[in-house]
C-alpha cells in the first residue's frame, strides 16, 4: 500500500502553480491564433474588392484581437481554479501535520542537534 507523502503533494501543488502561471498566456495566444485564422478566412471570403489579401490580413488581426481578448478571462478563471486546487492540497498537508500525534511528528521531523554539537549514529 502506498504511504502518505506530503512532499509529493507539495510537488504537485508547485506543478499546479507553474501551470496556472502559463495558462493565461496559452488561452490568449490560442484565442488570437484561432480568431486570426477565422477572421482572415471570413474577411477573404467576404471581400469584394480586388485587394482581398490585405482585407484578409486586417480581418485576421481584428479577429485574433477579439478572440484573444475574449479568451483572457477564461484563462484567468482556469488559472484561479488551479491555484485554488493547489492551496486546498497545501491546506490538507498542513491539517495533517497539525493533527498528527506529537510523537509521530518528532519521529517524522527530528530536531537538529544544538549548535556546536554533532549527532552520533547511535542516537
PDB file of N, CA and C in Angstrom:
ATOM      1  N   UNK A   1       0.837  -1.176   0.000  1.00  0.00           N
ATOM      2  CA  UNK A   1       0.000   0.000   0.000  1.00  0.00           C
ATOM      3  C   UNK A   1       0.891   1.252   0.000  1.00  0.00           C
ATOM      4  N   UNK A   2       0.476   2.263  -0.701  1.00  0.00           N
ATOM      5  CA  UNK A   2       1.238   3.493  -0.802  1.00  0.00           C
ATOM      6  C   UNK A   2       1.153   4.275   0.500  1.00  0.00           C
ATOM      7  N   UNK A   3       2.292   4.792   0.926  1.00  0.00           N
ATOM      8  CA  UNK A   3       2.365   5.569   2.160  1.00  0.00           C
ATOM      9  C   UNK A   3       2.059   7.038   1.879  1.00  0.00           C
ATOM     10  N   UNK A   4       1.583   7.727   2.899  1.00  0.00           N
ATOM     11  CA  UNK A   4       1.340   9.164   2.812  1.00  0.00           C
ATOM     12  C   UNK A   4       2.675   9.893   2.662  1.00  0.00           C
ATOM     13  N   UNK A   5       2.761  10.782   1.705  1.00  0.00           N
ATOM     14  CA  UNK A   5       3.994  11.524   1.473  1.00  0.00           C
ATOM     15  C   UNK A   5       3.650  12.990   1.188  1.00  0.00           C
ATOM     16  N   UNK A   6       3.821  13.874   2.180  1.00  0.00           N
ATOM     17  CA  UNK A   6       3.478  15.285   1.974  1.00  0.00           C
ATOM     18  C   UNK A   6       4.352  15.968   0.928  1.00  0.00           C
ATOM     19  N   UNK A   7       5.555  15.452   0.707  1.00  0.00           N
ATOM     20  CA  UNK A   7       6.442  16.057  -0.293  1.00  0.00           C
ATOM     21  C   UNK A   7       5.852  15.901  -1.692  1.00  0.00           C
ATOM     22  N   UNK A   8       5.247  14.745  -1.956  1.00  0.00           N
ATOM     23  CA  UNK A   8       4.608  14.519  -3.251  1.00  0.00           C
ATOM     24  C   UNK A   8       3.467  15.507  -3.465  1.00  0.00           C
ATOM     25  N   UNK A   9       2.690  15.743  -2.426  1.00  0.00           N
ATOM     26  CA  UNK A   9       1.564  16.680  -2.530  1.00  0.00           C
ATOM     27  C   UNK A   9       2.086  18.096  -2.765  1.00  0.00           C
ATOM     28  N   UNK A  10       3.138  18.481  -2.063  1.00  0.00           N
ATOM     29  CA  UNK A  10       3.713  19.822  -2.268  1.00  0.00           C
ATOM     30  C   UNK A  10       4.277  19.965  -3.689  1.00  0.00           C
ATOM     31  N   UNK A  11       4.920  18.921  -4.169  1.00  0.00           N
ATOM     32  CA  UNK A  11       5.457  18.968  -5.539  1.00  0.00           C
ATOM     33  C   UNK A  11       4.333  19.140  -6.559  1.00  0.00           C
ATOM     34  N   UNK A  12       3.241  18.421  -6.345  1.00  0.00           N
ATOM     35  CA  UNK A  12       2.112  18.539  -7.266  1.00  0.00           C
ATOM     36  C   UNK A  12       1.497  19.930  -7.189  1.00  0.00           C
ATOM     37  N   UNK A  13       1.418  20.489  -5.978  1.00  0.00           N
ATOM     38  CA  UNK A  13       0.901  21.852  -5.825  1.00  0.00           C
ATOM     39  C   UNK A  13       1.805  22.847  -6.555  1.00  0.00           C
ATOM     40  N   UNK A  14       3.113  22.644  -6.487  1.00  0.00           N
ATOM     41  CA  UNK A  14       4.043  23.509  -7.228  1.00  0.00           C
ATOM     42  C   UNK A  14       3.814  23.401  -8.732  1.00  0.00           C
ATOM     43  N   UNK A  15       3.564  22.185  -9.208  1.00  0.00           N
ATOM     44  CA  UNK A  15       3.285  21.994 -10.634  1.00  0.00           C
ATOM     45  C   UNK A  15       1.990  22.691 -11.039  1.00  0.00           C
ATOM     46  N   UNK A  16       0.984  22.653 -10.167  1.00  0.00           N
ATOM     47  CA  UNK A  16      -0.270  23.344 -10.466  1.00  0.00           C
ATOM     48  C   UNK A  16      -0.049  24.850 -10.556  1.00  0.00           C
ATOM     49  N   UNK A  17       0.758  25.398  -9.653  1.00  0.00           N
ATOM     50  CA  UNK A  17       1.049  26.829  -9.705  1.00  0.00           C
ATOM     51  C   UNK A  17       1.807  27.199 -10.978  1.00  0.00           C
ATOM     52  N   UNK A  18       2.763  26.367 -11.371  1.00  0.00           N
ATOM     53  CA  UNK A  18       3.509  26.625 -12.599  1.00  0.00           C
ATOM     54  C   UNK A  18       2.571  26.605 -13.797  1.00  0.00           C
ATOM     55  N   UNK A  19       1.698  25.625 -13.830  1.00  0.00           N
ATOM     56  CA  UNK A  19       0.718  25.521 -14.922  1.00  0.00           C
ATOM     57  C   UNK A  19      -0.213  26.731 -14.929  1.00  0.00           C
ATOM     58  N   UNK A  20      -0.639  27.159 -13.743  1.00  0.00           N
ATOM     59  CA  UNK A  20      -1.541  28.309 -13.643  1.00  0.00           C
ATOM     60  C   UNK A  20      -0.875  29.583 -14.147  1.00  0.00           C
ATOM     61  N   UNK A  21       0.420  29.715 -13.919  1.00  0.00           N
ATOM     62  CA  UNK A  21       1.115  30.919 -14.372  1.00  0.00           C
ATOM     63  C   UNK A  21       1.223  30.991 -15.894  1.00  0.00           C
ATOM     64  N   UNK A  22       1.196  29.871 -16.569  1.00  0.00           N
ATOM     65  CA  UNK A  22       1.308  29.849 -18.030  1.00  0.00           C
ATOM     66  C   UNK A  22      -0.031  29.784 -18.742  1.00  0.00           C
ATOM     67  N   UNK A  23      -1.075  29.368 -18.057  1.00  0.00           N
ATOM     68  CA  UNK A  23      -2.320  29.055 -18.759  1.00  0.00           C
ATOM     69  C   UNK A  23      -3.005  30.291 -19.337  1.00  0.00           C
ATOM     70  N   UNK A  24      -2.858  31.439 -18.698  1.00  0.00           N
ATOM     71  CA  UNK A  24      -3.477  32.659 -19.230  1.00  0.00           C
ATOM     72  C   UNK A  24      -2.877  32.990 -20.591  1.00  0.00           C
ATOM     73  N   UNK A  25      -1.551  32.943 -20.675  1.00  0.00           N
ATOM     74  CA  UNK A  25      -0.890  33.223 -21.959  1.00  0.00           C
ATOM     75  C   UNK A  25      -1.298  32.202 -23.013  1.00  0.00           C
ATOM     76  N   UNK A  26      -1.415  30.937 -22.618  1.00  0.00           N
ATOM     77  CA  UNK A  26      -1.815  29.905 -23.579  1.00  0.00           C
ATOM     78  C   UNK A  26      -3.218  30.167 -24.124  1.00  0.00           C
ATOM     79  N   UNK A  27      -4.140  30.567 -23.257  1.00  0.00           N
ATOM     80  CA  UNK A  27      -5.501  30.850 -23.722  1.00  0.00           C
ATOM     81  C   UNK A  27      -5.532  32.060 -24.640  1.00  0.00           C
ATOM     82  N   UNK A  28      -4.811  33.119 -24.293  1.00  0.00           N
ATOM     83  CA  UNK A  28      -4.808  34.329 -25.116  1.00  0.00           C
ATOM     84  C   UNK A  28      -4.164  34.038 -26.474  1.00  0.00           C
ATOM     85  N   UNK A  29      -3.031  33.359 -26.476  1.00  0.00           N
ATOM     86  CA  UNK A  29      -2.367  33.033 -27.749  1.00  0.00           C
ATOM     87  C   UNK A  29      -3.237  32.106 -28.594  1.00  0.00           C
ATOM     88  N   UNK A  30      -3.836  31.106 -27.947  1.00  0.00           N
ATOM     89  CA  UNK A  30      -4.736  30.204 -28.677  1.00  0.00           C
ATOM     90  C   UNK A  30      -5.930  30.948 -29.253  1.00  0.00           C
ATOM     91  N   UNK A  31      -6.510  31.844 -28.476  1.00  0.00           N
ATOM     92  CA  UNK A  31      -7.634  32.644 -28.970  1.00  0.00           C
ATOM     93  C   UNK A  31      -7.222  33.547 -30.111  1.00  0.00           C
ATOM     94  N   UNK A  32      -6.032  34.143 -29.995  1.00  0.00           N
ATOM     95  CA  UNK A  32      -5.547  35.005 -31.073  1.00  0.00           C
ATOM     96  C   UNK A  32      -5.345  34.214 -32.365  1.00  0.00           C
ATOM     97  N   UNK A  33      -4.730  33.039 -32.252  1.00  0.00           N
ATOM     98  CA  UNK A  33      -4.495  32.228 -33.451  1.00  0.00           C
ATOM     99  C   UNK A  33      -5.796  31.741 -34.072  1.00  0.00           C
ATOM    100  N   UNK A  34      -6.704  31.278 -33.223  1.00  0.00           N
ATOM    101  CA  UNK A  34      -7.989  30.797 -33.721  1.00  0.00           C
ATOM    102  C   UNK A  34      -8.800  31.933 -34.338  1.00  0.00           C
ATOM    103  N   UNK A  35      -8.848  33.057 -33.627  1.00  0.00           N
ATOM    104  CA  UNK A  35      -9.579  34.215 -34.150  1.00  0.00           C
ATOM    105  C   UNK A  35      -8.929  34.796 -35.387  1.00  0.00           C
ATOM    106  N   UNK A  36      -7.595  34.779 -35.414  1.00  0.00           N
ATOM    107  CA  UNK A  36      -6.897  35.287 -36.589  1.00  0.00           C
ATOM    108  C   UNK A  36      -7.170  34.452 -37.822  1.00  0.00           C
ATOM    109  N   UNK A  37      -7.141  33.149 -37.647  1.00  0.00           N
ATOM    110  CA  UNK A  37      -7.421  32.270 -38.791  1.00  0.00           C
ATOM    111  C   UNK A  37      -8.870  32.420 -39.248  1.00  0.00           C
ATOM    112  N   UNK A  38      -9.764  32.385 -38.285  1.00  0.00           N
ATOM    113  CA  UNK A  38     -11.185  32.513 -38.642  1.00  0.00           C
ATOM    114  C   UNK A  38     -11.511  33.867 -39.233  1.00  0.00           C
ATOM    115  N   UNK A  39     -10.975  34.926 -38.636  1.00  0.00           N
ATOM    116  CA  UNK A  39     -11.235  36.269 -39.150  1.00  0.00           C
ATOM    117  C   UNK A  39     -10.620  36.495 -40.515  1.00  0.00           C
ATOM    118  N   UNK A  40      -9.432  35.946 -40.721  1.00  0.00           N
ATOM    119  CA  UNK A  40      -8.787  36.087 -42.027  1.00  0.00           C
ATOM    120  C   UNK A  40      -9.546  35.370 -43.121  1.00  0.00           C
ATOM    121  N   UNK A  41      -9.988  34.155 -42.837  1.00  0.00           N
ATOM    122  CA  UNK A  41     -10.748  33.395 -43.840  1.00  0.00           C
ATOM    123  C   UNK A  41     -12.083  34.081 -44.108  1.00  0.00           C
ATOM    124  N   UNK A  42     -12.752  34.497 -43.052  1.00  0.00           N
ATOM    125  CA  UNK A  42     -14.046  35.163 -43.217  1.00  0.00           C
ATOM    126  C   UNK A  42     -13.891  36.449 -44.026  1.00  0.00           C
ATOM    127  N   UNK A  43     -12.874  37.253 -43.700  1.00  0.00           N
ATOM    128  CA  UNK A  43     -12.671  38.511 -44.418  1.00  0.00           C
ATOM    129  C   UNK A  43     -12.298  38.261 -45.873  1.00  0.00           C
ATOM    130  N   UNK A  44     -11.515  37.221 -46.140  1.00  0.00           N
ATOM    131  CA  UNK A  44     -11.137  36.910 -47.518  1.00  0.00           C
ATOM    132  C   UNK A  44     -12.360  36.497 -48.336  1.00  0.00           C
ATOM    133  N   UNK A  45     -13.219  35.704 -47.718  1.00  0.00           N
ATOM    134  CA  UNK A  45     -14.425  35.252 -48.433  1.00  0.00           C
ATOM    135  C   UNK A  45     -15.385  36.410 -48.672  1.00  0.00           C
ATOM    136  N   UNK A  46     -15.523  37.284 -47.680  1.00  0.00           N
ATOM    137  CA  UNK A  46     -16.493  38.370 -47.769  1.00  0.00           C
ATOM    138  C   UNK A  46     -16.003  39.552 -48.608  1.00  0.00           C
ATOM    139  N   UNK A  47     -14.704  39.621 -48.869  1.00  0.00           N
ATOM    140  CA  UNK A  47     -14.152  40.768 -49.602  1.00  0.00           C
ATOM    141  C   UNK A  47     -14.632  40.751 -51.046  1.00  0.00           C
ATOM    142  N   UNK A  48     -15.054  41.926 -51.530  1.00  0.00           N
ATOM    143  CA  UNK A  48     -15.492  42.050 -52.925  1.00  0.00           C
ATOM    144  C   UNK A  48     -14.496  42.854 -53.751  1.00  0.00           C
ATOM    145  N   UNK A  49     -13.577  43.525 -53.080  1.00  0.00           N
ATOM    146  CA  UNK A  49     -12.617  44.334 -53.833  1.00  0.00           C
ATOM    147  C   UNK A  49     -11.457  43.463 -54.324  1.00  0.00           C
ATOM    148  N   UNK A  50     -10.676  43.939 -55.275  1.00  0.00           N
ATOM    149  CA  UNK A  50      -9.580  43.135 -55.818  1.00  0.00           C
ATOM    150  C   UNK A  50      -8.423  42.936 -54.835  1.00  0.00           C
ATOM    151  N   UNK A  51      -8.353  43.724 -53.794  1.00  0.00           N
ATOM    152  CA  UNK A  51      -7.266  43.629 -52.827  1.00  0.00           C
ATOM    153  C   UNK A  51      -7.691  42.749 -51.640  1.00  0.00           C
ATOM    154  N   UNK A  52      -8.049  41.501 -51.930  1.00  0.00           N
ATOM    155  CA  UNK A  52      -8.580  40.599 -50.915  1.00  0.00           C
ATOM    156  C   UNK A  52      -7.548  40.244 -49.842  1.00  0.00           C
ATOM    157  N   UNK A  53      -6.292  40.147 -50.213  1.00  0.00           N
ATOM    158  CA  UNK A  53      -5.281  39.686 -49.278  1.00  0.00           C
ATOM    159  C   UNK A  53      -5.095  40.670 -48.117  1.00  0.00           C
ATOM    160  N   UNK A  54      -5.013  41.961 -48.405  1.00  0.00           N
ATOM    161  CA  UNK A  54      -4.837  42.932 -47.317  1.00  0.00           C
ATOM    162  C   UNK A  54      -6.095  42.998 -46.454  1.00  0.00           C
ATOM    163  N   UNK A  55      -7.259  42.820 -47.047  1.00  0.00           N
ATOM    164  CA  UNK A  55      -8.508  42.793 -46.285  1.00  0.00           C
ATOM    165  C   UNK A  55      -8.537  41.558 -45.367  1.00  0.00           C
ATOM    166  N   UNK A  56      -8.018  40.443 -45.857  1.00  0.00           N
ATOM    167  CA  UNK A  56      -7.954  39.216 -45.053  1.00  0.00           C
ATOM    168  C   UNK A  56      -6.969  39.387 -43.893  1.00  0.00           C
ATOM    169  N   UNK A  57      -5.850  40.072 -44.144  1.00  0.00           N
ATOM    170  CA  UNK A  57      -4.889  40.307 -43.067  1.00  0.00           C
ATOM    171  C   UNK A  57      -5.495  41.184 -41.974  1.00  0.00           C
ATOM    172  N   UNK A  58      -6.201  42.212 -42.364  1.00  0.00           N
ATOM    173  CA  UNK A  58      -6.862  43.080 -41.406  1.00  0.00           C
ATOM    174  C   UNK A  58      -7.931  42.297 -40.630  1.00  0.00           C
ATOM    175  N   UNK A  59      -8.689  41.481 -41.344  1.00  0.00           N
ATOM    176  CA  UNK A  59      -9.696  40.651 -40.680  1.00  0.00           C
ATOM    177  C   UNK A  59      -9.072  39.665 -39.712  1.00  0.00           C
ATOM    178  N   UNK A  60      -7.919  39.131 -40.076  1.00  0.00           N
ATOM    179  CA  UNK A  60      -7.209  38.218 -39.188  1.00  0.00           C
ATOM    180  C   UNK A  60      -6.739  38.902 -37.919  1.00  0.00           C
ATOM    181  N   UNK A  61      -6.211  40.112 -38.054  1.00  0.00           N
ATOM    182  CA  UNK A  61      -5.766  40.858 -36.876  1.00  0.00           C
ATOM    183  C   UNK A  61      -6.934  41.214 -35.961  1.00  0.00           C
ATOM    184  N   UNK A  62      -8.015  41.683 -36.557  1.00  0.00           N
ATOM    185  CA  UNK A  62      -9.186  42.056 -35.754  1.00  0.00           C
ATOM    186  C   UNK A  62      -9.789  40.818 -35.095  1.00  0.00           C
ATOM    187  N   UNK A  63      -9.946  39.748 -35.862  1.00  0.00           N
ATOM    188  CA  UNK A  63     -10.493  38.510 -35.297  1.00  0.00           C
ATOM    189  C   UNK A  63      -9.605  37.938 -34.205  1.00  0.00           C
ATOM    190  N   UNK A  64      -8.308  37.985 -34.431  1.00  0.00           N
ATOM    191  CA  UNK A  64      -7.374  37.493 -33.423  1.00  0.00           C
ATOM    192  C   UNK A  64      -7.418  38.321 -32.152  1.00  0.00           C
ATOM    193  N   UNK A  65      -7.466  39.638 -32.307  1.00  0.00           N
ATOM    194  CA  UNK A  65      -7.520  40.513 -31.136  1.00  0.00           C
ATOM    195  C   UNK A  65      -8.819  40.296 -30.361  1.00  0.00           C
ATOM    196  N   UNK A  66      -9.920  40.170 -31.072  1.00  0.00           N
ATOM    197  CA  UNK A  66     -11.204  39.962 -30.393  1.00  0.00           C
ATOM    198  C   UNK A  66     -11.253  38.630 -29.655  1.00  0.00           C
ATOM    199  N   UNK A  67     -10.876  37.567 -30.331  1.00  0.00           N
ATOM    200  CA  UNK A  67     -10.949  36.259 -29.685  1.00  0.00           C
ATOM    201  C   UNK A  67      -9.886  36.118 -28.593  1.00  0.00           C
ATOM    202  N   UNK A  68      -8.719  36.710 -28.791  1.00  0.00           N
ATOM    203  CA  UNK A  68      -7.704  36.713 -27.736  1.00  0.00           C
ATOM    204  C   UNK A  68      -8.203  37.432 -26.494  1.00  0.00           C
ATOM    205  N   UNK A  69      -8.876  38.572 -26.701  1.00  0.00           N
ATOM    206  CA  UNK A  69      -9.435  39.321 -25.568  1.00  0.00           C
ATOM    207  C   UNK A  69     -10.568  38.547 -24.890  1.00  0.00           C
ATOM    208  N   UNK A  70     -11.340  37.816 -25.668  1.00  0.00           N
ATOM    209  CA  UNK A  70     -12.424  37.018 -25.081  1.00  0.00           C
ATOM    210  C   UNK A  70     -11.901  35.802 -24.324  1.00  0.00           C
ATOM    211  N   UNK A  71     -10.775  35.251 -24.763  1.00  0.00           N
ATOM    212  CA  UNK A  71     -10.212  34.076 -24.090  1.00  0.00           C
ATOM    213  C   UNK A  71      -9.434  34.438 -22.834  1.00  0.00           C
ATOM    214  N   UNK A  72      -9.047  35.708 -22.661  1.00  0.00           N
ATOM    215  CA  UNK A  72      -8.285  36.114 -21.474  1.00  0.00           C
ATOM    216  C   UNK A  72      -9.018  35.804 -20.170  1.00  0.00           C
ATOM    217  N   UNK A  73     -10.281  36.210 -20.009  1.00  0.00           N
ATOM    218  CA  UNK A  73     -10.953  35.883 -18.739  1.00  0.00           C
ATOM    219  C   UNK A  73     -11.156  34.384 -18.536  1.00  0.00           C
ATOM    220  N   UNK A  74     -11.280  33.638 -19.612  1.00  0.00           N
ATOM    221  CA  UNK A  74     -11.419  32.184 -19.495  1.00  0.00           C
ATOM    222  C   UNK A  74     -10.120  31.593 -18.935  1.00  0.00           C
ATOM    223  N   UNK A  75      -8.990  32.032 -19.473  1.00  0.00           N
ATOM    224  CA  UNK A  75      -7.698  31.573 -18.973  1.00  0.00           C
ATOM    225  C   UNK A  75      -7.458  32.012 -17.544  1.00  0.00           C
ATOM    226  N   UNK A  76      -7.865  33.222 -17.217  1.00  0.00           N
ATOM    227  CA  UNK A  76      -7.683  33.720 -15.857  1.00  0.00           C
ATOM    228  C   UNK A  76      -8.512  32.907 -14.869  1.00  0.00           C
ATOM    229  N   UNK A  77      -9.720  32.551 -15.248  1.00  0.00           N
ATOM    230  CA  UNK A  77     -10.578  31.725 -14.391  1.00  0.00           C
ATOM    231  C   UNK A  77      -9.992  30.334 -14.203  1.00  0.00           C
ATOM    232  N   UNK A  78      -9.453  29.756 -15.269  1.00  0.00           N
ATOM    233  CA  UNK A  78      -8.819  28.442 -15.183  1.00  0.00           C
ATOM    234  C   UNK A  78      -7.585  28.503 -14.283  1.00  0.00           C
ATOM    235  N   UNK A  79      -6.798  29.563 -14.395  1.00  0.00           N
ATOM    236  CA  UNK A  79      -5.617  29.726 -13.548  1.00  0.00           C
ATOM    237  C   UNK A  79      -6.025  29.859 -12.083  1.00  0.00           C
ATOM    238  N   UNK A  80      -7.079  30.605 -11.820  1.00  0.00           N
ATOM    239  CA  UNK A  80      -7.569  30.755 -10.452  1.00  0.00           C
ATOM    240  C   UNK A  80      -8.026  29.412  -9.889  1.00  0.00           C
ATOM    241  N   UNK A  81      -8.681  28.623 -10.715  1.00  0.00           N
ATOM    242  CA  UNK A  81      -9.128  27.293 -10.289  1.00  0.00           C
ATOM    243  C   UNK A  81      -7.933  26.404  -9.932  1.00  0.00           C
ATOM    244  N   UNK A  82      -6.886  26.426 -10.753  1.00  0.00           N
ATOM    245  CA  UNK A  82      -5.705  25.608 -10.472  1.00  0.00           C
ATOM    246  C   UNK A  82      -4.994  26.072  -9.201  1.00  0.00           C
ATOM    247  N   UNK A  83      -4.910  27.388  -8.990  1.00  0.00           N
ATOM    248  CA  UNK A  83      -4.274  27.900  -7.778  1.00  0.00           C
ATOM    249  C   UNK A  83      -5.087  27.543  -6.534  1.00  0.00           C
ATOM    250  N   UNK A  84      -6.412  27.607  -6.643  1.00  0.00           N
ATOM    251  CA  UNK A  84      -7.253  27.227  -5.509  1.00  0.00           C
ATOM    252  C   UNK A  84      -7.108  25.739  -5.205  1.00  0.00           C
ATOM    253  N   UNK A  85      -6.997  24.927  -6.232  1.00  0.00           N
ATOM    254  CA  UNK A  85      -6.792  23.495  -6.045  1.00  0.00           C
ATOM    255  C   UNK A  85      -5.448  23.231  -5.354  1.00  0.00           C
ATOM    256  N   UNK A  86      -4.409  23.967  -5.743  1.00  0.00           N
ATOM    257  CA  UNK A  86      -3.105  23.816  -5.099  1.00  0.00           C
ATOM    258  C   UNK A  86      -3.169  24.251  -3.644  1.00  0.00           C
ATOM    259  N   UNK A  87      -3.862  25.343  -3.369  1.00  0.00           N
ATOM    260  CA  UNK A  87      -3.992  25.812  -1.995  1.00  0.00           C
ATOM    261  C   UNK A  87      -4.756  24.805  -1.135  1.00  0.00           C
ATOM    262  N   UNK A  88      -5.760  24.172  -1.705  1.00  0.00           N
ATOM    263  CA  UNK A  88      -6.518  23.160  -0.971  1.00  0.00           C
ATOM    264  C   UNK A  88      -5.608  21.982  -0.609  1.00  0.00           C
ATOM    265  N   UNK A  89      -4.773  21.565  -1.542  1.00  0.00           N
ATOM    266  CA  UNK A  89      -3.854  20.456  -1.267  1.00  0.00           C
ATOM    267  C   UNK A  89      -2.854  20.834  -0.178  1.00  0.00           C
ATOM    268  N   UNK A  90      -2.328  22.063  -0.232  1.00  0.00           N
ATOM    269  CA  UNK A  90      -1.391  22.511   0.796  1.00  0.00           C
ATOM    270  C   UNK A  90      -2.077  22.615   2.160  1.00  0.00           C
ATOM    271  N   UNK A  91      -3.343  22.993   2.144  1.00  0.00           N
ATOM    272  CA  UNK A  91      -4.112  23.058   3.384  1.00  0.00           C
ATOM    273  C   UNK A  91      -4.271  21.662   3.987  1.00  0.00           C
ATOM    274  N   UNK A  92      -4.509  20.664   3.154  1.00  0.00           N
ATOM    275  CA  UNK A  92      -4.629  19.288   3.648  1.00  0.00           C
ATOM    276  C   UNK A  92      -3.327  18.837   4.300  1.00  0.00           C
ATOM    277  N   UNK A  93      -2.197  19.180   3.688  1.00  0.00           N
ATOM    278  CA  UNK A  93      -0.907  18.809   4.261  1.00  0.00           C
ATOM    279  C   UNK A  93      -0.727  19.486   5.616  1.00  0.00           C
ATOM    280  N   UNK A  94      -1.104  20.760   5.695  1.00  0.00           N
ATOM    281  CA  UNK A  94      -0.960  21.486   6.961  1.00  0.00           C
ATOM    282  C   UNK A  94      -1.889  20.907   8.033  1.00  0.00           C
ATOM    283  N   UNK A  95      -3.099  20.581   7.664  1.00  0.00           N
ATOM    284  CA  UNK A  95      -4.032  19.981   8.629  1.00  0.00           C
ATOM    285  C   UNK A  95      -3.481  18.655   9.137  1.00  0.00           C
ATOM    286  N   UNK A  96      -2.948  17.857   8.219  1.00  0.00           N
ATOM    287  CA  UNK A  96      -2.409  16.564   8.623  1.00  0.00           C
ATOM    288  C   UNK A  96      -1.231  16.743   9.576  1.00  0.00           C
ATOM    289  N   UNK A  97      -0.360  17.686   9.287  1.00  0.00           N
ATOM    290  CA  UNK A  97       0.802  17.879  10.156  1.00  0.00           C
ATOM    291  C   UNK A  97       0.390  18.451  11.507  1.00  0.00           C
ATOM    292  N   UNK A  98      -0.670  19.253  11.551  1.00  0.00           N
ATOM    293  CA  UNK A  98      -1.126  19.827  12.815  1.00  0.00           C
ATOM    294  C   UNK A  98      -1.911  18.835  13.668  1.00  0.00           C
ATOM    295  N   UNK A  99      -2.490  17.830  13.045  1.00  0.00           N
ATOM    296  CA  UNK A  99      -3.292  16.861  13.807  1.00  0.00           C
ATOM    297  C   UNK A  99      -2.549  15.558  14.070  1.00  0.00           C
ATOM    298  N   UNK A 100      -1.345  15.420  13.566  1.00  0.00           N
ATOM    299  CA  UNK A 100      -0.543  14.227  13.810  1.00  0.00           C
ATOM    300  C   UNK A 100      -0.140  14.202  15.288  1.00  0.00           C
ATOM    301  N   UNK A 101      -0.178  13.034  15.925  1.00  0.00           N
ATOM    302  CA  UNK A 101       0.260  12.953  17.317  1.00  0.00           C
ATOM    303  C   UNK A 101       1.699  13.456  17.468  1.00  0.00           C
ATOM    304  N   UNK A 102       2.010  14.028  18.630  1.00  0.00           N
ATOM    305  CA  UNK A 102       3.306  14.677  18.846  1.00  0.00           C
ATOM    306  C   UNK A 102       4.474  13.718  18.675  1.00  0.00           C
ATOM    307  N   UNK A 103       4.334  12.481  19.116  1.00  0.00           N
ATOM    308  CA  UNK A 103       5.420  11.501  18.990  1.00  0.00           C
ATOM    309  C   UNK A 103       5.716  11.218  17.514  1.00  0.00           C
ATOM    310  N   UNK A 104       4.681  11.121  16.694  1.00  0.00           N
ATOM    311  CA  UNK A 104       4.890  10.879  15.266  1.00  0.00           C
ATOM    312  C   UNK A 104       5.535  12.091  14.605  1.00  0.00           C
ATOM    313  N   UNK A 105       5.173  13.291  15.060  1.00  0.00           N
ATOM    314  CA  UNK A 105       5.769  14.491  14.486  1.00  0.00           C
ATOM    315  C   UNK A 105       7.269  14.534  14.771  1.00  0.00           C
ATOM    316  N   UNK A 106       7.664  14.191  15.996  1.00  0.00           N
ATOM    317  CA  UNK A 106       9.085  14.195  16.323  1.00  0.00           C
ATOM    318  C   UNK A 106       9.843  13.136  15.535  1.00  0.00           C
ATOM    319  N   UNK A 107       9.217  11.984  15.323  1.00  0.00           N
ATOM    320  CA  UNK A 107       9.874  10.921  14.557  1.00  0.00           C
ATOM    321  C   UNK A 107      10.000  11.314  13.086  1.00  0.00           C
ATOM    322  N   UNK A 108       8.969  11.987  12.562  1.00  0.00           N
ATOM    323  CA  UNK A 108       8.984  12.373  11.154  1.00  0.00           C
ATOM    324  C   UNK A 108       9.920  13.552  10.900  1.00  0.00           C
ATOM    325  N   UNK A 109      10.033  14.460  11.865  1.00  0.00           N
ATOM    326  CA  UNK A 109      10.859  15.654  11.714  1.00  0.00           C
ATOM    327  C   UNK A 109      11.712  15.832  12.967  1.00  0.00           C
ATOM    328  N   UNK A 110      12.811  15.071  13.099  1.00  0.00           N
ATOM    329  CA  UNK A 110      13.649  15.197  14.298  1.00  0.00           C
ATOM    330  C   UNK A 110      14.293  16.578  14.363  1.00  0.00           C
ATOM    331  N   UNK A 111      14.455  17.069  15.597  1.00  0.00           N
ATOM    332  CA  UNK A 111      15.085  18.375  15.785  1.00  0.00           C
ATOM    333  C   UNK A 111      16.581  18.253  15.524  1.00  0.00           C
ATOM    334  N   UNK A 112      17.166  19.278  14.941  1.00  0.00           N
ATOM    335  CA  UNK A 112      18.614  19.234  14.720  1.00  0.00           C
ATOM    336  C   UNK A 112      19.337  19.343  16.064  1.00  0.00           C
ATOM    337  N   UNK A 113      20.568  18.839  16.137  1.00  0.00           N
ATOM    338  CA  UNK A 113      21.318  18.935  17.397  1.00  0.00           C
ATOM    339  C   UNK A 113      21.634  20.394  17.707  1.00  0.00           C
ATOM    340  N   UNK A 114      21.859  20.700  18.993  1.00  0.00           N
ATOM    341  CA  UNK A 114      22.220  22.082  19.338  1.00  0.00           C
ATOM    342  C   UNK A 114      23.483  22.511  18.597  1.00  0.00           C
ATOM    343  N   UNK A 115      23.628  23.799  18.408  1.00  0.00           N
ATOM    344  CA  UNK A 115      24.748  24.355  17.654  1.00  0.00           C
ATOM    345  C   UNK A 115      26.072  23.964  18.317  1.00  0.00           C
ATOM    346  N   UNK A 116      26.982  23.485  17.512  1.00  0.00           N
ATOM    347  CA  UNK A 116      28.292  23.102  18.013  1.00  0.00           C
ATOM    348  C   UNK A 116      28.385  21.630  18.367  1.00  0.00           C
ATOM    349  N   UNK A 117      27.248  20.936  18.430  1.00  0.00           N
ATOM    350  CA  UNK A 117      27.269  19.512  18.754  1.00  0.00           C
ATOM    351  C   UNK A 117      26.914  18.718  17.509  1.00  0.00           C
ATOM    352  N   UNK A 118      27.399  17.537  17.419  1.00  0.00           N
ATOM    353  CA  UNK A 118      27.051  16.658  16.321  1.00  0.00           C
ATOM    354  C   UNK A 118      26.287  15.476  16.874  1.00  0.00           C
ATOM    355  N   UNK A 119      25.442  14.931  16.057  1.00  0.00           N
ATOM    356  CA  UNK A 119      24.640  13.781  16.458  1.00  0.00           C
ATOM    357  C   UNK A 119      25.392  12.510  16.104  1.00  0.00           C
ATOM    358  N   UNK A 120      25.438  11.583  17.037  1.00  0.00           N
ATOM    359  CA  UNK A 120      26.109  10.314  16.756  1.00  0.00           C
ATOM    360  C   UNK A 120      25.172   9.388  16.015  1.00  0.00           C
ATOM    361  N   UNK A 121      25.726   8.377  15.417  1.00  0.00           N
ATOM    362  CA  UNK A 121      24.918   7.416  14.680  1.00  0.00           C
ATOM    363  C   UNK A 121      24.093   6.536  15.602  1.00  0.00           C
ATOM    364  N   UNK A 122      24.429   6.464  16.879  1.00  0.00           N
ATOM    365  CA  UNK A 122      23.716   5.614  17.813  1.00  0.00           C
ATOM    366  C   UNK A 122      22.426   6.261  18.309  1.00  0.00           C
ATOM    367  N   UNK A 123      22.214   7.550  18.092  1.00  0.00           N
ATOM    368  CA  UNK A 123      21.007   8.234  18.601  1.00  0.00           C
ATOM    369  C   UNK A 123      19.772   7.773  17.906  1.00  0.00           C
TER     370      UNK A 123
END
